[in-house]
Amino acid sequence: ELGSGGQWLGDEQLYNLMVTSHGVMMLFFLVMPMFMGGFGNWLIPVVLGLNDMLLPRLNNLSFLMVPLALVMFCLS
């Protein structure tokens, strides 16, 4: 696709849109949840000496909102 544009994905704008959208989705829906989940669910309770997280229902709500955010992102 980079050698000669318009062969597979249409015009250059659509190709750039798909590449940029893929990068943004990977950043916000894969990398950031792994960092936040790792620090919030594992590291902080271990450092504080807790058996479990402080607010488990709020943690569950944040986990359930990730698919909704992904759908809203894809629809925008």
N, C-alpha and C. Protein backbone atom coordinates (compact mmCIF):
# COMPACT_ATOMS: atom_id res chain seq x y z
N GLU A 1 0.82 -1.19 0.00
CA GLU A 1 0.00 0.00 0.00
C GLU A 1 0.87 1.26 0.00
N LEU A 2 2.01 1.20 0.65
CA LEU A 2 2.85 2.40 0.68
C LEU A 2 3.57 2.62 -0.64
N GLY A 3 3.82 1.54 -1.40
CA GLY A 3 4.52 1.69 -2.67
C GLY A 3 3.69 2.40 -3.71
N SER A 4 2.46 1.99 -3.87
CA SER A 4 1.55 2.65 -4.82
C SER A 4 0.20 2.74 -4.14
N GLY A 5 -0.23 3.94 -3.86
CA GLY A 5 -1.46 4.16 -3.11
C GLY A 5 -2.71 3.81 -3.89
N GLY A 6 -3.78 3.53 -3.17
CA GLY A 6 -5.07 3.28 -3.79
C GLY A 6 -5.27 1.88 -4.30
N GLN A 7 -4.40 0.96 -3.97
CA GLN A 7 -4.54 -0.40 -4.49
C GLN A 7 -5.45 -1.26 -3.61
N TRP A 8 -5.36 -1.09 -2.31
CA TRP A 8 -6.08 -2.01 -1.43
C TRP A 8 -7.10 -1.30 -0.54
N LEU A 9 -6.73 -0.21 0.06
CA LEU A 9 -7.60 0.46 1.02
C LEU A 9 -8.25 1.72 0.49
N GLY A 10 -8.21 1.97 -0.75
CA GLY A 10 -8.80 3.19 -1.27
C GLY A 10 -7.76 4.29 -1.35
N ASP A 11 -8.15 5.49 -0.96
CA ASP A 11 -7.24 6.62 -1.09
C ASP A 11 -6.30 6.72 0.11
N GLU A 12 -5.40 7.69 0.04
CA GLU A 12 -4.38 7.85 1.07
C GLU A 12 -4.98 8.29 2.40
N GLN A 13 -6.05 9.06 2.36
CA GLN A 13 -6.65 9.55 3.59
C GLN A 13 -7.24 8.38 4.40
N LEU A 14 -7.89 7.44 3.74
CA LEU A 14 -8.44 6.29 4.43
C LEU A 14 -7.32 5.43 5.03
N TYR A 15 -6.24 5.27 4.30
CA TYR A 15 -5.11 4.49 4.81
C TYR A 15 -4.52 5.16 6.05
N ASN A 16 -4.30 6.46 5.99
CA ASN A 16 -3.75 7.19 7.15
C ASN A 16 -4.72 7.14 8.33
N LEU A 17 -6.01 7.22 8.05
CA LEU A 17 -7.01 7.14 9.11
C LEU A 17 -6.96 5.78 9.80
N MET A 18 -6.84 4.72 9.03
CA MET A 18 -6.82 3.38 9.62
C MET A 18 -5.54 3.14 10.42
N VAL A 19 -4.41 3.61 9.92
CA VAL A 19 -3.15 3.44 10.66
C VAL A 19 -3.17 4.23 11.96
N THR A 20 -3.65 5.46 11.90
CA THR A 20 -3.72 6.30 13.10
C THR A 20 -4.72 5.74 14.10
N SER A 21 -5.88 5.31 13.62
CA SER A 21 -6.88 4.74 14.52
C SER A 21 -6.36 3.48 15.20
N HIS A 22 -5.64 2.66 14.47
CA HIS A 22 -5.07 1.45 15.06
C HIS A 22 -4.09 1.81 16.17
N GLY A 23 -3.24 2.80 15.93
CA GLY A 23 -2.28 3.21 16.95
C GLY A 23 -2.95 3.77 18.19
N VAL A 24 -3.96 4.60 17.99
CA VAL A 24 -4.66 5.19 19.14
C VAL A 24 -5.41 4.13 19.92
N MET A 25 -6.07 3.20 19.22
CA MET A 25 -6.79 2.14 19.92
C MET A 25 -5.84 1.24 20.70
N MET A 26 -4.70 0.91 20.12
CA MET A 26 -3.74 0.07 20.84
C MET A 26 -3.21 0.79 22.07
N LEU A 27 -2.98 2.08 21.97
CA LEU A 27 -2.47 2.84 23.10
C LEU A 27 -3.49 2.94 24.22
N PHE A 28 -4.71 3.36 23.88
CA PHE A 28 -5.70 3.63 24.92
C PHE A 28 -6.46 2.40 25.40
N PHE A 29 -6.53 1.34 24.59
CA PHE A 29 -7.32 0.19 25.00
C PHE A 29 -6.49 -1.06 25.25
N LEU A 30 -5.18 -0.98 25.13
CA LEU A 30 -4.32 -2.12 25.46
C LEU A 30 -3.21 -1.70 26.43
N VAL A 31 -2.43 -0.71 26.05
CA VAL A 31 -1.27 -0.32 26.86
C VAL A 31 -1.71 0.37 28.15
N MET A 32 -2.57 1.37 28.05
CA MET A 32 -2.99 2.10 29.25
C MET A 32 -3.75 1.22 30.24
N PRO A 33 -4.71 0.37 29.81
CA PRO A 33 -5.34 -0.51 30.81
C PRO A 33 -4.37 -1.49 31.46
N MET A 34 -3.36 -1.95 30.72
CA MET A 34 -2.39 -2.85 31.34
C MET A 34 -1.58 -2.12 32.41
N PHE A 35 -1.15 -0.89 32.12
CA PHE A 35 -0.40 -0.13 33.12
C PHE A 35 -1.27 0.22 34.32
N MET A 36 -2.45 0.75 34.06
CA MET A 36 -3.33 1.15 35.17
C MET A 36 -3.80 -0.07 35.96
N GLY A 37 -4.15 -1.14 35.29
CA GLY A 37 -4.59 -2.34 35.99
C GLY A 37 -3.46 -2.97 36.78
N GLY A 38 -2.28 -2.97 36.22
CA GLY A 38 -1.14 -3.54 36.94
C GLY A 38 -0.79 -2.77 38.18
N PHE A 39 -0.76 -1.45 38.08
CA PHE A 39 -0.42 -0.65 39.24
C PHE A 39 -1.57 -0.59 40.24
N GLY A 40 -2.78 -0.43 39.75
CA GLY A 40 -3.92 -0.26 40.65
C GLY A 40 -4.38 -1.54 41.32
N ASN A 41 -4.25 -2.66 40.65
CA ASN A 41 -4.78 -3.91 41.19
C ASN A 41 -3.73 -4.81 41.81
N TRP A 42 -2.48 -4.62 41.47
CA TRP A 42 -1.47 -5.52 42.01
C TRP A 42 -0.43 -4.79 42.85
N LEU A 43 0.20 -3.77 42.31
CA LEU A 43 1.33 -3.15 42.99
C LEU A 43 0.92 -2.33 44.20
N ILE A 44 -0.08 -1.49 44.09
CA ILE A 44 -0.47 -0.62 45.20
C ILE A 44 -0.96 -1.43 46.41
N PRO A 45 -1.85 -2.43 46.24
CA PRO A 45 -2.22 -3.22 47.43
C PRO A 45 -1.05 -3.97 48.05
N VAL A 46 -0.09 -4.41 47.26
CA VAL A 46 1.08 -5.10 47.81
C VAL A 46 1.93 -4.12 48.62
N VAL A 47 2.12 -2.92 48.12
CA VAL A 47 2.92 -1.92 48.82
C VAL A 47 2.24 -1.51 50.12
N LEU A 48 0.91 -1.36 50.09
CA LEU A 48 0.18 -0.94 51.28
C LEU A 48 -0.09 -2.08 52.25
N GLY A 49 0.18 -3.31 51.84
CA GLY A 49 -0.04 -4.46 52.71
C GLY A 49 -1.49 -4.87 52.82
N LEU A 50 -2.28 -4.61 51.80
CA LEU A 50 -3.70 -4.96 51.81
C LEU A 50 -3.92 -6.34 51.20
N ASN A 51 -4.98 -7.00 51.62
CA ASN A 51 -5.32 -8.29 51.03
C ASN A 51 -5.97 -8.13 49.66
N ASP A 52 -6.77 -7.10 49.51
CA ASP A 52 -7.49 -6.88 48.26
C ASP A 52 -7.49 -5.38 47.98
N MET A 53 -8.07 -4.99 46.88
CA MET A 53 -8.12 -3.57 46.54
C MET A 53 -9.10 -2.83 47.45
N LEU A 54 -8.97 -1.53 47.49
CA LEU A 54 -9.79 -0.74 48.40
C LEU A 54 -11.25 -0.66 47.96
N LEU A 55 -11.48 -0.40 46.69
CA LEU A 55 -12.84 -0.22 46.17
C LEU A 55 -13.10 -1.23 45.06
N PRO A 56 -13.48 -2.46 45.39
CA PRO A 56 -13.62 -3.48 44.34
C PRO A 56 -14.76 -3.20 43.37
N ARG A 57 -15.86 -2.60 43.84
CA ARG A 57 -16.98 -2.32 42.92
C ARG A 57 -16.62 -1.22 41.94
N LEU A 58 -15.91 -0.22 42.40
CA LEU A 58 -15.46 0.83 41.50
C LEU A 58 -14.46 0.28 40.50
N ASN A 59 -13.61 -0.63 40.91
CA ASN A 59 -12.68 -1.27 40.00
C ASN A 59 -13.43 -2.08 38.95
N ASN A 60 -14.46 -2.80 39.35
CA ASN A 60 -15.26 -3.58 38.41
C ASN A 60 -15.99 -2.66 37.44
N LEU A 61 -16.49 -1.53 37.92
CA LEU A 61 -17.16 -0.58 37.04
C LEU A 61 -16.20 -0.02 36.00
N SER A 62 -14.99 0.28 36.40
CA SER A 62 -14.01 0.80 35.44
C SER A 62 -13.65 -0.27 34.41
N PHE A 63 -13.59 -1.53 34.83
CA PHE A 63 -13.32 -2.62 33.90
C PHE A 63 -14.46 -2.78 32.90
N LEU A 64 -15.70 -2.63 33.36
CA LEU A 64 -16.85 -2.79 32.47
C LEU A 64 -17.04 -1.60 31.53
N MET A 65 -16.45 -0.46 31.85
CA MET A 65 -16.60 0.71 30.99
C MET A 65 -15.63 0.72 29.82
N VAL A 66 -14.61 -0.12 29.84
CA VAL A 66 -13.64 -0.16 28.74
C VAL A 66 -14.29 -0.60 27.42
N PRO A 67 -15.12 -1.67 27.38
CA PRO A 67 -15.77 -2.00 26.10
C PRO A 67 -16.72 -0.91 25.61
N LEU A 68 -17.42 -0.25 26.53
CA LEU A 68 -18.29 0.85 26.14
C LEU A 68 -17.48 1.99 25.54
N ALA A 69 -16.34 2.29 26.13
CA ALA A 69 -15.48 3.34 25.59
C ALA A 69 -14.94 2.96 24.21
N LEU A 70 -14.64 1.68 24.02
CA LEU A 70 -14.17 1.23 22.71
C LEU A 70 -15.25 1.38 21.65
N VAL A 71 -16.48 1.03 21.98
CA VAL A 71 -17.59 1.19 21.03
C VAL A 71 -17.80 2.67 20.71
N MET A 72 -17.77 3.52 21.73
CA MET A 72 -17.95 4.96 21.49
C MET A 72 -16.81 5.51 20.64
N PHE A 73 -15.59 5.03 20.86
CA PHE A 73 -14.45 5.48 20.07
C PHE A 73 -14.61 5.06 18.61
N CYS A 74 -15.04 3.83 18.39
CA CYS A 74 -15.19 3.34 17.01
C CYS A 74 -16.34 4.03 16.29
N LEU A 75 -17.38 4.44 17.01
CA LEU A 75 -18.50 5.12 16.38
C LEU A 75 -18.23 6.59 16.10
N SER A 76 -17.24 7.16 16.76
CA SER A 76 -16.97 8.59 16.56
C SER A 76 -16.18 8.86 15.30
